[in-house]
N, C-alpha and C. Protein backbone atom coordinates (compact mmCIF):
# COMPACT_ATOMS: atom_id res chain seq x y z
N MET A 1 -7.11 -17.42 8.07
CA MET A 1 -6.27 -16.22 7.99
C MET A 1 -6.02 -15.85 6.54
N ASN A 2 -6.00 -14.56 6.26
CA ASN A 2 -5.79 -14.07 4.90
C ASN A 2 -4.57 -13.15 4.86
N ILE A 3 -3.85 -13.19 3.75
CA ILE A 3 -2.64 -12.38 3.59
C ILE A 3 -2.98 -11.03 2.95
N ALA A 4 -2.49 -9.97 3.56
CA ALA A 4 -2.65 -8.62 3.04
C ALA A 4 -1.28 -8.04 2.71
N SER A 5 -1.20 -7.34 1.60
CA SER A 5 0.06 -6.78 1.10
C SER A 5 0.20 -5.31 1.50
N HIS A 6 1.21 -5.02 2.32
CA HIS A 6 1.47 -3.66 2.79
C HIS A 6 2.28 -2.88 1.75
N ASN A 7 1.86 -1.65 1.45
CA ASN A 7 2.54 -0.85 0.42
C ASN A 7 2.78 -1.68 -0.84
N SER A 8 1.68 -2.11 -1.41
CA SER A 8 1.69 -3.15 -2.45
C SER A 8 2.46 -2.80 -3.70
N PHE A 9 2.60 -1.51 -4.02
CA PHE A 9 3.21 -1.13 -5.29
C PHE A 9 4.62 -0.55 -5.14
N SER A 10 5.22 -0.77 -3.98
CA SER A 10 6.56 -0.23 -3.74
C SER A 10 7.66 -1.05 -4.40
N TYR A 11 7.29 -2.07 -5.17
CA TYR A 11 8.25 -2.81 -5.98
C TYR A 11 8.60 -2.05 -7.26
N LEU A 12 7.82 -1.06 -7.60
CA LEU A 12 8.02 -0.33 -8.86
C LEU A 12 9.32 0.47 -8.86
N PRO A 13 9.87 0.79 -10.04
CA PRO A 13 11.05 1.66 -10.10
C PRO A 13 10.69 3.08 -9.66
N VAL A 14 11.66 3.79 -9.14
CA VAL A 14 11.41 5.14 -8.65
C VAL A 14 11.35 6.13 -9.82
N ARG A 15 10.67 7.25 -9.59
CA ARG A 15 10.44 8.25 -10.64
C ARG A 15 11.65 9.12 -10.92
N LYS A 16 12.44 9.43 -9.90
CA LYS A 16 13.54 10.38 -10.05
C LYS A 16 14.86 9.71 -9.70
N TRP A 17 15.90 10.07 -10.41
CA TRP A 17 17.17 9.37 -10.29
C TRP A 17 17.73 9.38 -8.88
N TRP A 18 17.56 10.51 -8.16
CA TRP A 18 18.16 10.61 -6.83
C TRP A 18 17.46 9.72 -5.80
N MET A 19 16.28 9.23 -6.13
CA MET A 19 15.55 8.36 -5.20
C MET A 19 16.12 6.94 -5.16
N TRP A 20 16.91 6.57 -6.18
CA TRP A 20 17.45 5.21 -6.21
C TRP A 20 18.28 4.91 -4.97
N ALA A 21 19.00 5.90 -4.49
CA ALA A 21 19.87 5.67 -3.33
C ALA A 21 19.09 5.34 -2.06
N PHE A 22 17.81 5.72 -2.03
CA PHE A 22 17.00 5.53 -0.82
C PHE A 22 15.88 4.52 -1.03
N ARG A 23 15.85 3.90 -2.18
CA ARG A 23 14.74 3.01 -2.52
C ARG A 23 14.56 1.89 -1.50
N TRP A 24 15.66 1.32 -1.03
CA TRP A 24 15.61 0.19 -0.10
C TRP A 24 14.92 0.54 1.22
N MET A 25 14.90 1.82 1.55
CA MET A 25 14.27 2.24 2.80
C MET A 25 12.75 2.24 2.71
N ALA A 26 12.21 2.41 1.52
CA ALA A 26 10.76 2.52 1.34
C ALA A 26 10.16 1.30 0.66
N ARG A 27 11.01 0.38 0.22
CA ARG A 27 10.52 -0.78 -0.51
C ARG A 27 9.94 -1.82 0.44
N CYS A 28 8.67 -2.15 0.25
CA CYS A 28 7.98 -3.11 1.11
C CYS A 28 7.53 -4.36 0.36
N GLN A 29 7.61 -4.34 -0.96
CA GLN A 29 7.33 -5.51 -1.79
C GLN A 29 8.38 -5.58 -2.89
N ARG A 30 8.68 -6.82 -3.33
CA ARG A 30 9.68 -6.96 -4.39
C ARG A 30 9.15 -7.75 -5.60
N VAL A 31 7.92 -8.26 -5.51
CA VAL A 31 7.32 -8.93 -6.66
C VAL A 31 6.10 -8.13 -7.11
N ASP A 32 5.77 -8.22 -8.39
CA ASP A 32 4.69 -7.40 -8.94
C ASP A 32 3.32 -7.89 -8.47
N PHE A 33 2.29 -7.12 -8.82
CA PHE A 33 0.97 -7.44 -8.28
C PHE A 33 0.44 -8.78 -8.81
N ASP A 34 0.83 -9.17 -10.03
CA ASP A 34 0.41 -10.48 -10.54
C ASP A 34 0.93 -11.60 -9.65
N ARG A 35 2.20 -11.48 -9.28
CA ARG A 35 2.80 -12.51 -8.42
C ARG A 35 2.22 -12.46 -7.02
N GLN A 36 1.93 -11.26 -6.53
CA GLN A 36 1.31 -11.14 -5.21
C GLN A 36 -0.06 -11.82 -5.19
N LEU A 37 -0.82 -11.65 -6.27
CA LEU A 37 -2.11 -12.33 -6.38
C LEU A 37 -1.92 -13.85 -6.39
N GLU A 38 -0.92 -14.32 -7.14
CA GLU A 38 -0.64 -15.76 -7.20
C GLU A 38 -0.26 -16.32 -5.84
N LEU A 39 0.42 -15.50 -5.04
CA LEU A 39 0.86 -15.94 -3.72
C LEU A 39 -0.26 -15.86 -2.68
N GLY A 40 -1.44 -15.43 -3.10
CA GLY A 40 -2.59 -15.47 -2.22
C GLY A 40 -2.94 -14.18 -1.52
N ALA A 41 -2.27 -13.08 -1.89
CA ALA A 41 -2.65 -11.80 -1.29
C ALA A 41 -4.06 -11.44 -1.72
N GLY A 42 -4.90 -11.08 -0.76
CA GLY A 42 -6.28 -10.75 -1.07
C GLY A 42 -6.64 -9.32 -0.76
N LEU A 43 -5.72 -8.63 -0.08
CA LEU A 43 -5.93 -7.22 0.27
C LEU A 43 -4.69 -6.44 -0.12
N PHE A 44 -4.90 -5.31 -0.77
CA PHE A 44 -3.79 -4.50 -1.27
C PHE A 44 -3.86 -3.09 -0.71
N ASP A 45 -2.72 -2.44 -0.74
CA ASP A 45 -2.53 -1.15 -0.07
C ASP A 45 -2.00 -0.15 -1.10
N LEU A 46 -2.85 0.76 -1.55
CA LEU A 46 -2.48 1.72 -2.60
C LEU A 46 -2.30 3.11 -2.00
N ARG A 47 -1.12 3.70 -2.20
CA ARG A 47 -0.84 5.06 -1.74
C ARG A 47 -0.61 5.94 -2.97
N ILE A 48 -1.31 7.05 -3.04
CA ILE A 48 -1.19 7.93 -4.20
C ILE A 48 -1.19 9.40 -3.77
N ARG A 49 -0.74 10.25 -4.67
CA ARG A 49 -0.94 11.70 -4.57
C ARG A 49 -0.89 12.26 -5.98
N TYR A 50 -1.04 13.59 -6.09
CA TYR A 50 -1.15 14.23 -7.40
C TYR A 50 -0.12 15.33 -7.56
N THR A 51 0.38 15.46 -8.78
CA THR A 51 1.31 16.54 -9.09
C THR A 51 0.51 17.81 -9.39
N GLU A 52 1.23 18.91 -9.57
CA GLU A 52 0.57 20.17 -9.93
C GLU A 52 -0.10 20.08 -11.29
N ASN A 53 0.37 19.14 -12.12
CA ASN A 53 -0.22 18.93 -13.45
C ASN A 53 -1.35 17.90 -13.43
N ASN A 54 -1.79 17.55 -12.23
CA ASN A 54 -2.91 16.62 -12.04
C ASN A 54 -2.57 15.18 -12.38
N ASP A 55 -1.29 14.85 -12.43
CA ASP A 55 -0.89 13.47 -12.70
C ASP A 55 -0.94 12.65 -11.41
N LEU A 56 -1.55 11.49 -11.48
CA LEU A 56 -1.57 10.58 -10.34
C LEU A 56 -0.21 9.93 -10.21
N ILE A 57 0.31 9.89 -8.99
CA ILE A 57 1.60 9.27 -8.71
C ILE A 57 1.42 8.21 -7.62
N ILE A 58 1.97 7.04 -7.86
CA ILE A 58 2.00 6.00 -6.82
C ILE A 58 3.20 6.29 -5.93
N CYS A 59 3.02 6.21 -4.63
CA CYS A 59 4.11 6.63 -3.74
C CYS A 59 4.06 5.89 -2.40
N HIS A 60 5.11 6.11 -1.62
CA HIS A 60 5.20 5.65 -0.24
C HIS A 60 6.05 6.68 0.50
N GLY A 61 5.41 7.49 1.33
CA GLY A 61 6.13 8.57 1.97
C GLY A 61 6.65 9.53 0.92
N LEU A 62 7.93 9.86 1.01
CA LEU A 62 8.54 10.77 0.03
C LEU A 62 8.90 10.07 -1.27
N MET A 63 8.92 8.75 -1.24
CA MET A 63 9.31 7.98 -2.42
C MET A 63 8.18 7.94 -3.44
N GLU A 64 8.51 8.23 -4.69
CA GLU A 64 7.54 8.20 -5.77
C GLU A 64 7.95 7.15 -6.80
N TYR A 65 6.96 6.46 -7.36
CA TYR A 65 7.24 5.34 -8.24
C TYR A 65 6.76 5.60 -9.66
N ARG A 66 7.47 4.99 -10.59
CA ARG A 66 7.17 5.11 -12.02
C ARG A 66 6.49 3.83 -12.49
N HIS A 67 5.33 3.97 -13.10
CA HIS A 67 4.63 2.80 -13.63
C HIS A 67 5.39 2.27 -14.84
N PRO A 68 5.25 0.98 -15.15
CA PRO A 68 5.95 0.41 -16.32
C PRO A 68 5.61 1.16 -17.61
N LYS A 69 6.58 1.25 -18.50
CA LYS A 69 6.46 2.09 -19.70
C LYS A 69 5.38 1.63 -20.67
N ARG A 70 4.98 0.37 -20.57
CA ARG A 70 3.95 -0.09 -21.52
C ARG A 70 2.58 0.53 -21.22
N TRP A 71 2.46 1.17 -20.07
CA TRP A 71 1.24 1.92 -19.77
C TRP A 71 1.56 3.41 -19.84
N THR A 72 0.71 4.17 -20.50
CA THR A 72 0.96 5.60 -20.67
C THR A 72 0.80 6.36 -19.38
N TYR A 73 -0.19 6.01 -18.60
CA TYR A 73 -0.48 6.72 -17.35
C TYR A 73 -0.56 5.75 -16.19
N ALA A 74 -0.34 6.27 -14.99
CA ALA A 74 -0.46 5.44 -13.79
C ALA A 74 -1.87 4.88 -13.67
N GLU A 75 -2.87 5.67 -14.09
CA GLU A 75 -4.25 5.21 -14.00
C GLU A 75 -4.50 3.96 -14.85
N THR A 76 -3.86 3.87 -16.03
CA THR A 76 -4.07 2.70 -16.88
C THR A 76 -3.34 1.49 -16.32
N PHE A 77 -2.17 1.71 -15.72
CA PHE A 77 -1.45 0.63 -15.05
C PHE A 77 -2.28 0.10 -13.88
N LEU A 78 -2.81 1.00 -13.06
CA LEU A 78 -3.65 0.58 -11.94
C LEU A 78 -4.95 -0.04 -12.42
N GLY A 79 -5.45 0.44 -13.56
CA GLY A 79 -6.66 -0.14 -14.12
C GLY A 79 -6.48 -1.61 -14.44
N ASP A 80 -5.30 -1.98 -14.94
CA ASP A 80 -5.00 -3.38 -15.22
C ASP A 80 -5.04 -4.20 -13.93
N PHE A 81 -4.45 -3.63 -12.89
CA PHE A 81 -4.49 -4.31 -11.58
C PHE A 81 -5.92 -4.46 -11.08
N PHE A 82 -6.68 -3.39 -11.10
CA PHE A 82 -8.04 -3.45 -10.58
C PHE A 82 -8.93 -4.37 -11.41
N ASP A 83 -8.71 -4.44 -12.72
CA ASP A 83 -9.47 -5.38 -13.55
C ASP A 83 -9.25 -6.82 -13.06
N LYS A 84 -8.00 -7.14 -12.77
CA LYS A 84 -7.67 -8.50 -12.32
C LYS A 84 -8.21 -8.78 -10.92
N LEU A 85 -8.08 -7.79 -10.03
CA LEU A 85 -8.59 -7.98 -8.67
C LEU A 85 -10.11 -8.05 -8.68
N ASN A 86 -10.73 -7.30 -9.55
CA ASN A 86 -12.19 -7.30 -9.65
C ASN A 86 -12.73 -8.66 -10.09
N LYS A 87 -12.00 -9.32 -10.98
CA LYS A 87 -12.43 -10.64 -11.45
C LYS A 87 -12.36 -11.67 -10.33
N LYS A 88 -11.33 -11.57 -9.49
CA LYS A 88 -11.19 -12.51 -8.39
C LYS A 88 -12.03 -12.14 -7.18
N GLY A 89 -12.24 -10.85 -7.03
CA GLY A 89 -12.85 -10.35 -5.80
C GLY A 89 -11.73 -10.11 -4.79
N GLY A 90 -11.70 -8.95 -4.18
CA GLY A 90 -10.63 -8.65 -3.25
C GLY A 90 -10.88 -7.35 -2.53
N TYR A 91 -9.86 -6.91 -1.81
CA TYR A 91 -9.95 -5.74 -0.95
C TYR A 91 -8.81 -4.78 -1.29
N CYS A 92 -9.07 -3.49 -1.13
CA CYS A 92 -8.02 -2.50 -1.39
C CYS A 92 -8.19 -1.30 -0.48
N ARG A 93 -7.14 -0.97 0.23
CA ARG A 93 -7.11 0.28 1.00
C ARG A 93 -6.51 1.37 0.11
N VAL A 94 -7.18 2.51 0.05
CA VAL A 94 -6.71 3.61 -0.79
C VAL A 94 -6.41 4.80 0.12
N VAL A 95 -5.17 5.30 0.04
CA VAL A 95 -4.71 6.36 0.94
C VAL A 95 -4.11 7.50 0.13
N LEU A 96 -4.46 8.73 0.50
CA LEU A 96 -3.81 9.91 -0.07
C LEU A 96 -2.53 10.12 0.73
N GLU A 97 -1.40 9.83 0.11
CA GLU A 97 -0.12 9.78 0.81
C GLU A 97 0.51 11.16 0.96
N THR A 98 -0.12 11.97 1.78
CA THR A 98 0.42 13.28 2.13
C THR A 98 -0.14 13.67 3.48
N ASN A 99 0.67 14.41 4.26
CA ASN A 99 0.25 14.75 5.62
C ASN A 99 -0.76 15.88 5.67
N LYS A 100 -0.56 16.88 4.84
CA LYS A 100 -1.45 18.04 4.83
C LYS A 100 -1.91 18.33 3.41
N PRO A 101 -2.85 17.53 2.93
CA PRO A 101 -3.32 17.71 1.56
C PRO A 101 -4.05 19.03 1.37
N ASP A 102 -3.79 19.67 0.24
CA ASP A 102 -4.54 20.88 -0.09
C ASP A 102 -5.81 20.49 -0.85
N SER A 103 -6.64 21.47 -1.20
CA SER A 103 -7.91 21.19 -1.85
C SER A 103 -7.69 20.55 -3.22
N HIS A 104 -6.60 20.92 -3.89
CA HIS A 104 -6.26 20.34 -5.18
C HIS A 104 -6.08 18.83 -5.05
N GLN A 105 -5.28 18.41 -4.07
CA GLN A 105 -5.06 16.99 -3.84
C GLN A 105 -6.35 16.28 -3.45
N GLU A 106 -7.08 16.87 -2.54
CA GLU A 106 -8.29 16.24 -2.03
C GLU A 106 -9.35 16.07 -3.11
N ASP A 107 -9.54 17.08 -3.95
CA ASP A 107 -10.55 17.00 -5.00
C ASP A 107 -10.25 15.87 -5.99
N HIS A 108 -9.00 15.77 -6.41
CA HIS A 108 -8.63 14.71 -7.34
C HIS A 108 -8.72 13.34 -6.68
N PHE A 109 -8.35 13.27 -5.43
CA PHE A 109 -8.43 12.01 -4.70
C PHE A 109 -9.88 11.55 -4.57
N ARG A 110 -10.77 12.46 -4.22
CA ARG A 110 -12.19 12.11 -4.11
C ARG A 110 -12.73 11.58 -5.45
N SER A 111 -12.38 12.27 -6.52
CA SER A 111 -12.87 11.86 -7.84
C SER A 111 -12.39 10.46 -8.19
N TYR A 112 -11.13 10.17 -7.88
CA TYR A 112 -10.57 8.86 -8.21
C TYR A 112 -11.21 7.77 -7.35
N CYS A 113 -11.39 8.04 -6.07
CA CYS A 113 -12.03 7.06 -5.18
C CYS A 113 -13.46 6.77 -5.63
N TYR A 114 -14.18 7.82 -6.02
CA TYR A 114 -15.55 7.65 -6.50
C TYR A 114 -15.55 6.77 -7.76
N TYR A 115 -14.62 7.05 -8.65
CA TYR A 115 -14.49 6.26 -9.88
C TYR A 115 -14.23 4.79 -9.56
N LEU A 116 -13.28 4.52 -8.66
CA LEU A 116 -12.95 3.14 -8.31
C LEU A 116 -14.15 2.40 -7.75
N GLN A 117 -14.83 3.03 -6.82
CA GLN A 117 -15.96 2.37 -6.19
C GLN A 117 -17.12 2.15 -7.16
N THR A 118 -17.26 3.05 -8.12
CA THR A 118 -18.35 2.94 -9.09
C THR A 118 -18.08 1.87 -10.14
N VAL A 119 -16.83 1.78 -10.60
CA VAL A 119 -16.49 0.88 -11.70
C VAL A 119 -16.20 -0.55 -11.23
N TYR A 120 -15.48 -0.68 -10.12
CA TYR A 120 -15.03 -2.01 -9.67
C TYR A 120 -15.90 -2.49 -8.51
N ARG A 121 -17.06 -3.00 -8.87
CA ARG A 121 -18.07 -3.35 -7.87
C ARG A 121 -17.73 -4.61 -7.09
N ASN A 122 -16.77 -5.39 -7.58
CA ASN A 122 -16.42 -6.64 -6.91
C ASN A 122 -15.20 -6.49 -6.01
N ILE A 123 -14.78 -5.23 -5.80
CA ILE A 123 -13.67 -4.94 -4.89
C ILE A 123 -14.22 -4.18 -3.69
N HIS A 124 -13.80 -4.59 -2.52
CA HIS A 124 -14.19 -3.93 -1.28
C HIS A 124 -13.15 -2.85 -0.97
N PHE A 125 -13.48 -1.61 -1.24
CA PHE A 125 -12.56 -0.50 -0.97
C PHE A 125 -12.79 0.04 0.44
N PHE A 126 -11.71 0.48 1.06
CA PHE A 126 -11.82 1.14 2.36
C PHE A 126 -10.68 2.13 2.49
N GLY A 127 -10.70 2.90 3.55
CA GLY A 127 -9.69 3.94 3.73
C GLY A 127 -10.24 5.29 3.32
N GLY A 128 -9.69 5.84 2.24
CA GLY A 128 -10.10 7.16 1.79
C GLY A 128 -9.52 8.28 2.64
N ASN A 129 -8.51 7.96 3.42
CA ASN A 129 -7.91 8.89 4.37
C ASN A 129 -6.57 9.42 3.87
N ASN A 130 -6.06 10.46 4.55
CA ASN A 130 -4.67 10.84 4.32
C ASN A 130 -3.80 10.12 5.35
N ARG A 131 -2.49 10.24 5.22
CA ARG A 131 -1.59 9.40 6.01
C ARG A 131 -1.44 9.84 7.47
N THR A 132 -2.16 10.88 7.89
CA THR A 132 -2.15 11.24 9.31
C THR A 132 -3.43 10.76 10.00
N ASP A 133 -4.34 10.16 9.25
CA ASP A 133 -5.65 9.79 9.79
C ASP A 133 -5.89 8.29 9.61
N TRP A 134 -5.02 7.47 10.24
CA TRP A 134 -5.13 6.02 10.06
C TRP A 134 -6.40 5.45 10.66
N GLY A 135 -6.98 6.15 11.62
CA GLY A 135 -8.25 5.70 12.18
C GLY A 135 -9.45 6.07 11.33
N CYS A 136 -9.20 6.82 10.24
CA CYS A 136 -10.26 7.27 9.32
C CYS A 136 -11.38 7.99 10.05
N LYS A 137 -11.01 8.85 10.99
CA LYS A 137 -12.03 9.62 11.71
C LYS A 137 -12.61 10.72 10.82
N ASN A 138 -11.78 11.25 9.92
CA ASN A 138 -12.24 12.29 9.00
C ASN A 138 -11.75 11.97 7.59
N PRO A 139 -12.27 10.90 6.99
CA PRO A 139 -11.78 10.52 5.65
C PRO A 139 -12.06 11.59 4.61
N ILE A 140 -11.19 11.70 3.66
CA ILE A 140 -11.39 12.64 2.55
C ILE A 140 -12.51 12.13 1.65
N PHE A 141 -12.52 10.82 1.45
CA PHE A 141 -13.62 10.18 0.72
C PHE A 141 -14.16 9.05 1.58
N ASN A 142 -15.45 9.03 1.77
CA ASN A 142 -16.08 8.00 2.58
C ASN A 142 -16.60 6.88 1.69
N PHE A 143 -15.91 5.74 1.73
CA PHE A 143 -16.34 4.59 0.94
C PHE A 143 -17.60 3.94 1.52
N GLY A 144 -17.94 4.33 2.74
CA GLY A 144 -19.10 3.73 3.39
C GLY A 144 -18.83 2.34 3.91
N THR A 145 -17.54 2.02 4.09
CA THR A 145 -17.14 0.71 4.59
C THR A 145 -16.27 0.89 5.83
N LYS A 146 -16.29 -0.10 6.69
CA LYS A 146 -15.48 -0.06 7.91
C LYS A 146 -14.03 -0.38 7.59
N LEU A 147 -13.14 0.02 8.50
CA LEU A 147 -11.75 -0.39 8.37
C LEU A 147 -11.66 -1.90 8.50
N GLU A 148 -10.81 -2.51 7.71
CA GLU A 148 -10.63 -3.95 7.81
C GLU A 148 -9.83 -4.31 9.06
N ASP A 149 -10.03 -5.53 9.53
CA ASP A 149 -9.39 -6.04 10.74
C ASP A 149 -7.97 -6.52 10.39
N LEU A 150 -7.00 -5.63 10.55
CA LEU A 150 -5.63 -5.88 10.12
C LEU A 150 -4.71 -6.17 11.31
N ASP A 151 -3.89 -7.19 11.18
CA ASP A 151 -2.83 -7.46 12.14
C ASP A 151 -1.53 -7.00 11.49
N ASP A 152 -1.06 -5.81 11.86
CA ASP A 152 0.11 -5.20 11.22
C ASP A 152 1.40 -5.86 11.70
N LYS A 153 2.02 -6.65 10.83
CA LYS A 153 3.26 -7.33 11.19
C LYS A 153 4.34 -6.99 10.16
N TYR A 154 4.89 -5.78 10.32
CA TYR A 154 5.97 -5.35 9.45
C TYR A 154 6.84 -4.37 10.26
N SER A 155 7.95 -3.96 9.70
CA SER A 155 9.00 -3.30 10.47
C SER A 155 8.56 -2.02 11.17
N SER A 156 7.72 -1.20 10.54
CA SER A 156 7.37 0.08 11.14
C SER A 156 6.38 -0.03 12.29
N THR A 157 5.86 -1.23 12.54
CA THR A 157 4.94 -1.42 13.68
C THR A 157 5.52 -2.36 14.73
N THR A 158 6.77 -2.75 14.54
CA THR A 158 7.40 -3.71 15.45
C THR A 158 8.78 -3.19 15.87
N ASN A 159 9.38 -3.88 16.80
CA ASN A 159 10.72 -3.51 17.27
C ASN A 159 11.63 -4.73 17.25
N LEU A 160 12.68 -4.68 16.46
CA LEU A 160 13.65 -5.77 16.43
C LEU A 160 14.65 -5.65 17.58
N PHE A 161 14.84 -4.42 18.07
CA PHE A 161 15.88 -4.18 19.06
C PHE A 161 15.27 -3.77 20.40
N PRO A 162 15.84 -4.23 21.51
CA PRO A 162 15.27 -3.93 22.83
C PRO A 162 15.61 -2.54 23.35
N TRP A 163 16.63 -1.90 22.79
CA TRP A 163 17.08 -0.62 23.30
C TRP A 163 16.29 0.52 22.66
N ALA A 164 15.82 1.43 23.49
CA ALA A 164 14.94 2.51 23.01
C ALA A 164 15.58 3.30 21.87
N TRP A 165 16.87 3.59 21.96
CA TRP A 165 17.52 4.42 20.96
C TRP A 165 17.69 3.70 19.62
N MET A 166 17.45 2.37 19.60
CA MET A 166 17.60 1.60 18.36
C MET A 166 16.27 1.12 17.79
N ARG A 167 15.18 1.46 18.44
CA ARG A 167 13.90 0.86 18.07
C ARG A 167 13.37 1.29 16.71
N ARG A 168 13.88 2.38 16.17
CA ARG A 168 13.42 2.82 14.85
C ARG A 168 14.36 2.40 13.73
N LEU A 169 15.46 1.76 14.09
CA LEU A 169 16.45 1.41 13.06
C LEU A 169 15.91 0.41 12.04
N ASP A 170 15.11 -0.56 12.51
CA ASP A 170 14.62 -1.56 11.57
C ASP A 170 13.62 -0.98 10.58
N ASP A 171 13.07 0.21 10.90
CA ASP A 171 12.16 0.86 9.96
C ASP A 171 12.87 1.26 8.68
N LEU A 172 14.19 1.45 8.77
CA LEU A 172 14.96 1.93 7.62
C LEU A 172 15.15 0.86 6.56
N CYS A 173 14.98 -0.40 6.93
CA CYS A 173 15.19 -1.48 5.97
C CYS A 173 14.14 -2.56 6.21
N PRO A 174 12.93 -2.38 5.65
CA PRO A 174 11.82 -3.29 5.93
C PRO A 174 12.09 -4.76 5.66
N ILE A 175 12.98 -5.05 4.72
CA ILE A 175 13.19 -6.46 4.36
C ILE A 175 13.84 -7.25 5.49
N ILE A 176 14.55 -6.58 6.40
CA ILE A 176 15.19 -7.29 7.51
C ILE A 176 14.15 -7.97 8.38
N TYR A 177 13.12 -7.21 8.78
CA TYR A 177 12.08 -7.81 9.61
C TYR A 177 11.38 -8.94 8.86
N ALA A 178 11.10 -8.73 7.58
CA ALA A 178 10.41 -9.75 6.79
C ALA A 178 11.20 -11.04 6.73
N LYS A 179 12.50 -10.93 6.52
CA LYS A 179 13.34 -12.14 6.44
C LYS A 179 13.45 -12.85 7.78
N LEU A 180 13.42 -12.09 8.86
CA LEU A 180 13.54 -12.69 10.19
C LEU A 180 12.23 -13.25 10.73
N HIS A 181 11.10 -12.64 10.36
CA HIS A 181 9.85 -12.99 11.05
C HIS A 181 8.66 -13.36 10.19
N ASN A 182 8.68 -13.12 8.88
CA ASN A 182 7.51 -13.43 8.07
C ASN A 182 7.09 -14.89 8.17
N LYS A 183 8.05 -15.80 8.05
CA LYS A 183 7.75 -17.23 8.09
C LYS A 183 7.10 -17.60 9.41
N GLU A 184 7.65 -17.09 10.49
CA GLU A 184 7.12 -17.36 11.82
C GLU A 184 5.71 -16.78 11.98
N ASN A 185 5.52 -15.54 11.53
CA ASN A 185 4.23 -14.88 11.68
C ASN A 185 3.14 -15.56 10.87
N VAL A 186 3.48 -15.98 9.65
CA VAL A 186 2.50 -16.67 8.82
C VAL A 186 2.15 -18.03 9.42
N LYS A 187 3.17 -18.75 9.90
CA LYS A 187 2.93 -20.07 10.49
C LYS A 187 2.08 -19.96 11.75
N LYS A 188 2.36 -18.96 12.56
CA LYS A 188 1.62 -18.74 13.80
C LYS A 188 0.20 -18.30 13.51
N GLY A 189 0.02 -17.52 12.47
CA GLY A 189 -1.30 -17.03 12.11
C GLY A 189 -1.73 -15.87 13.00
N THR A 190 -3.00 -15.53 12.92
CA THR A 190 -3.52 -14.40 13.68
C THR A 190 -5.01 -14.60 13.93
N THR A 191 -5.50 -13.96 14.97
CA THR A 191 -6.94 -14.00 15.25
C THR A 191 -7.67 -12.92 14.46
N HIS A 192 -6.91 -12.05 13.83
CA HIS A 192 -7.50 -11.01 12.99
C HIS A 192 -7.87 -11.58 11.62
N LYS A 193 -8.65 -10.84 10.88
CA LYS A 193 -9.06 -11.30 9.56
C LYS A 193 -7.89 -11.32 8.59
N TRP A 194 -7.00 -10.33 8.71
CA TRP A 194 -5.90 -10.18 7.76
C TRP A 194 -4.56 -10.10 8.48
N LEU A 195 -3.57 -10.80 7.94
CA LEU A 195 -2.19 -10.64 8.37
C LEU A 195 -1.53 -9.70 7.35
N PHE A 196 -1.20 -8.51 7.78
CA PHE A 196 -0.71 -7.44 6.91
C PHE A 196 0.81 -7.44 6.95
N ILE A 197 1.46 -7.80 5.83
CA ILE A 197 2.90 -7.99 5.84
C ILE A 197 3.59 -7.31 4.66
N ASP A 198 4.88 -7.03 4.87
CA ASP A 198 5.76 -6.64 3.78
C ASP A 198 6.26 -7.90 3.09
N PHE A 199 6.65 -7.79 1.84
CA PHE A 199 7.30 -8.87 1.10
C PHE A 199 6.51 -10.19 1.22
N VAL A 200 5.37 -10.22 0.56
CA VAL A 200 4.50 -11.39 0.66
C VAL A 200 5.14 -12.65 0.09
N ASP A 201 6.22 -12.49 -0.67
CA ASP A 201 6.92 -13.66 -1.22
C ASP A 201 7.91 -14.25 -0.23
N ILE A 202 8.14 -13.61 0.89
CA ILE A 202 9.07 -14.13 1.90
C ILE A 202 8.27 -14.76 3.03
N ARG A 203 8.18 -16.07 3.03
CA ARG A 203 7.47 -16.79 4.11
C ARG A 203 7.69 -18.29 4.00
C-alpha cells in the first residue's frame, strides 16, 4: 500500500486576509511537502487556476494560497517541489480548480501541464481535468496516462454521522475525520494501489 496526499499544498498560508477565517474548512494538510515526502507520500494532488494577469495560483475550491516569500512566483515554488519529486520518482495529479474554466484558464493550464510532462520525466502525471470532471472523460490536457487507483479516505468522501441532515458536516473540518480514522485506515490498509488521505502526518 502507498500513501497519497490529498490537496497536498493546502498547508500554505492564504492569499487574502478574509480567507483566514475559513482556512480550517479547506485545509487538508498541515506539514510542508518536504515533510510529506519524508513521511512516505508518493502521490501528490495539485490544484491550480490563473488570475486575469496570468498568475498561477495554488488553490482548493474558493480558497487560494500564497507561496512562501523566498520564491518570487508560484511556479518557482512548485518547481522546487517537482525537482525533489523527480529525483525520487513519484506521482502527481494536476487539476484546474474551477468548475467552468474559460479559454484563458484552459490555455494556460494546457501549457503548464505540457511543460511539467516535458521537463519532469521521472514523475507520473495524471488528471489534466477541471474539478467537475473527476472521471477525466474530457480532460483539458491529456497526459496520456490512466487515472491512478485511489482509495479516497478523507472527510468529503465519507460520513461521520448516520443522520442524513448531518452527513456533510464533517466536510467543513477535514482534520476531524483524519484524527478519528487515519490511524485505523492506514493500519487496515487497502486493496487499491494508493490510500488517499488528508493530513498524512496523522496516523
